[in-house]
Amino acid sequence: MNGADDARLAGSVELRHDGLGRTLSPGMTAHIAVGERVSLANPGTEPASVMAMASPPDFTRSLAGWPTT
């Protein structure tokens, strides 16, 4: 299957919300409600990748304004 490696989740990601952190690893999920502000960081030394699903479909337009650092 072409692109199979591109879809593999790897590493861990720290999700911070309201001053609390939670480390997510492959297979884990987090729900972020409309209006919630969170930050994501890679706490490890290995590259990390995540899969994000957004709803409603036009929500992704608002991601353009998110900071990248």
C-alpha atoms as a PDB file:
ATOM      1  CA  MET A   1       0.000   0.000   0.000  1.00  0.00           C
ATOM      2  CA  ASN A   2       1.498   3.352  -1.016  1.00  0.00           C
ATOM      3  CA  GLY A   3       1.864   5.932   1.744  1.00  0.00           C
ATOM      4  CA  ALA A   4       1.426   3.435   4.583  1.00  0.00           C
ATOM      5  CA  ASP A   5       4.473   4.793   6.411  1.00  0.00           C
ATOM      6  CA  ASP A   6       3.051   8.317   6.207  1.00  0.00           C
ATOM      7  CA  ALA A   7      -0.008   7.295   8.250  1.00  0.00           C
ATOM      8  CA  ARG A   8       1.921   5.655  11.098  1.00  0.00           C
ATOM      9  CA  LEU A   9       1.699   7.496  14.428  1.00  0.00           C
ATOM     10  CA  ALA A  10       4.928   7.707  16.375  1.00  0.00           C
ATOM     11  CA  GLY A  11       6.554   9.178  19.446  1.00  0.00           C
ATOM     12  CA  SER A  12       4.682  10.939  22.200  1.00  0.00           C
ATOM     13  CA  VAL A  13       3.041  14.342  22.442  1.00  0.00           C
ATOM     14  CA  GLU A  14       2.343  16.359  25.570  1.00  0.00           C
ATOM     15  CA  LEU A  15      -1.035  18.075  25.488  1.00  0.00           C
ATOM     16  CA  ARG A  16      -1.361  20.976  27.943  1.00  0.00           C
ATOM     17  CA  HIS A  17      -4.697  22.477  28.980  1.00  0.00           C
ATOM     18  CA  ASP A  18      -5.423  24.782  31.927  1.00  0.00           C
ATOM     19  CA  GLY A  19      -1.916  24.277  33.297  1.00  0.00           C
ATOM     20  CA  LEU A  20      -2.192  20.472  33.306  1.00  0.00           C
ATOM     21  CA  GLY A  21      -0.211  18.191  31.023  1.00  0.00           C
ATOM     22  CA  ARG A  22      -1.066  14.766  29.664  1.00  0.00           C
ATOM     23  CA  THR A  23       1.309  12.670  27.593  1.00  0.00           C
ATOM     24  CA  LEU A  24      -0.304  10.975  24.620  1.00  0.00           C
ATOM     25  CA  SER A  25       1.308   8.024  22.863  1.00  0.00           C
ATOM     26  CA  PRO A  26       0.227   6.095  19.744  1.00  0.00           C
ATOM     27  CA  GLY A  27      -3.267   4.668  20.205  1.00  0.00           C
ATOM     28  CA  MET A  28      -4.386   7.325  22.701  1.00  0.00           C
ATOM     29  CA  THR A  29      -6.954  10.039  21.993  1.00  0.00           C
ATOM     30  CA  ALA A  30      -7.917  13.432  23.362  1.00  0.00           C
ATOM     31  CA  HIS A  31     -11.090  15.430  22.794  1.00  0.00           C
ATOM     32  CA  ILE A  32     -10.641  19.178  22.528  1.00  0.00           C
ATOM     33  CA  ALA A  33     -13.951  21.008  22.657  1.00  0.00           C
ATOM     34  CA  VAL A  34     -14.807  24.100  20.653  1.00  0.00           C
ATOM     35  CA  GLY A  35     -13.188  27.141  22.237  1.00  0.00           C
ATOM     36  CA  GLU A  36     -10.659  25.225  24.346  1.00  0.00           C
ATOM     37  CA  ARG A  37      -7.069  26.413  24.064  1.00  0.00           C
ATOM     38  CA  VAL A  38      -4.365  23.781  24.264  1.00  0.00           C
ATOM     39  CA  SER A  39      -0.708  23.425  23.394  1.00  0.00           C
ATOM     40  CA  LEU A  40       1.121  20.429  21.984  1.00  0.00           C
ATOM     41  CA  ALA A  41       4.804  19.634  22.453  1.00  0.00           C
ATOM     42  CA  ASN A  42       7.111  16.730  21.774  1.00  0.00           C
ATOM     43  CA  PRO A  43       8.657  15.798  25.152  1.00  0.00           C
ATOM     44  CA  GLY A  44      10.987  13.200  23.644  1.00  0.00           C
ATOM     45  CA  THR A  45      14.022  13.090  21.419  1.00  0.00           C
ATOM     46  CA  GLU A  46      12.338  11.098  18.631  1.00  0.00           C
ATOM     47  CA  PRO A  47      10.101  12.732  16.020  1.00  0.00           C
ATOM     48  CA  ALA A  48       6.407  12.609  16.896  1.00  0.00           C
ATOM     49  CA  SER A  49       3.410  12.560  14.577  1.00  0.00           C
ATOM     50  CA  VAL A  50      -0.288  12.946  15.333  1.00  0.00           C
ATOM     51  CA  MET A  51      -3.553  12.498  13.507  1.00  0.00           C
ATOM     52  CA  ALA A  52      -6.140  15.231  13.974  1.00  0.00           C
ATOM     53  CA  MET A  53      -9.820  15.076  13.079  1.00  0.00           C
ATOM     54  CA  ALA A  54     -11.827  18.279  13.043  1.00  0.00           C
ATOM     55  CA  SER A  55     -15.527  18.977  12.922  1.00  0.00           C
ATOM     56  CA  PRO A  56     -17.352  20.818  11.403  1.00  0.00           C
ATOM     57  CA  PRO A  57     -15.469  20.521   8.094  1.00  0.00           C
ATOM     58  CA  ASP A  58     -14.729  24.257   7.806  1.00  0.00           C
ATOM     59  CA  PHE A  59     -13.032  24.264  11.234  1.00  0.00           C
ATOM     60  CA  THR A  60      -9.676  23.599   9.592  1.00  0.00           C
ATOM     61  CA  ARG A  61      -9.722  27.110   8.108  1.00  0.00           C
ATOM     62  CA  SER A  62      -9.244  28.513  11.610  1.00  0.00           C
ATOM     63  CA  LEU A  63      -6.067  26.455  12.062  1.00  0.00           C
ATOM     64  CA  ALA A  64      -4.205  28.829   9.767  1.00  0.00           C
ATOM     65  CA  GLY A  65      -4.126  31.328  12.646  1.00  0.00           C
ATOM     66  CA  TRP A  66      -2.584  28.892  15.159  1.00  0.00           C
ATOM     67  CA  PRO A  67       1.025  29.567  16.205  1.00  0.00           C
ATOM     68  CA  THR A  68       3.602  27.089  14.925  1.00  0.00           C
ATOM     69  CA  THR A  69       6.142  27.380  17.730  1.00  0.00           C
END
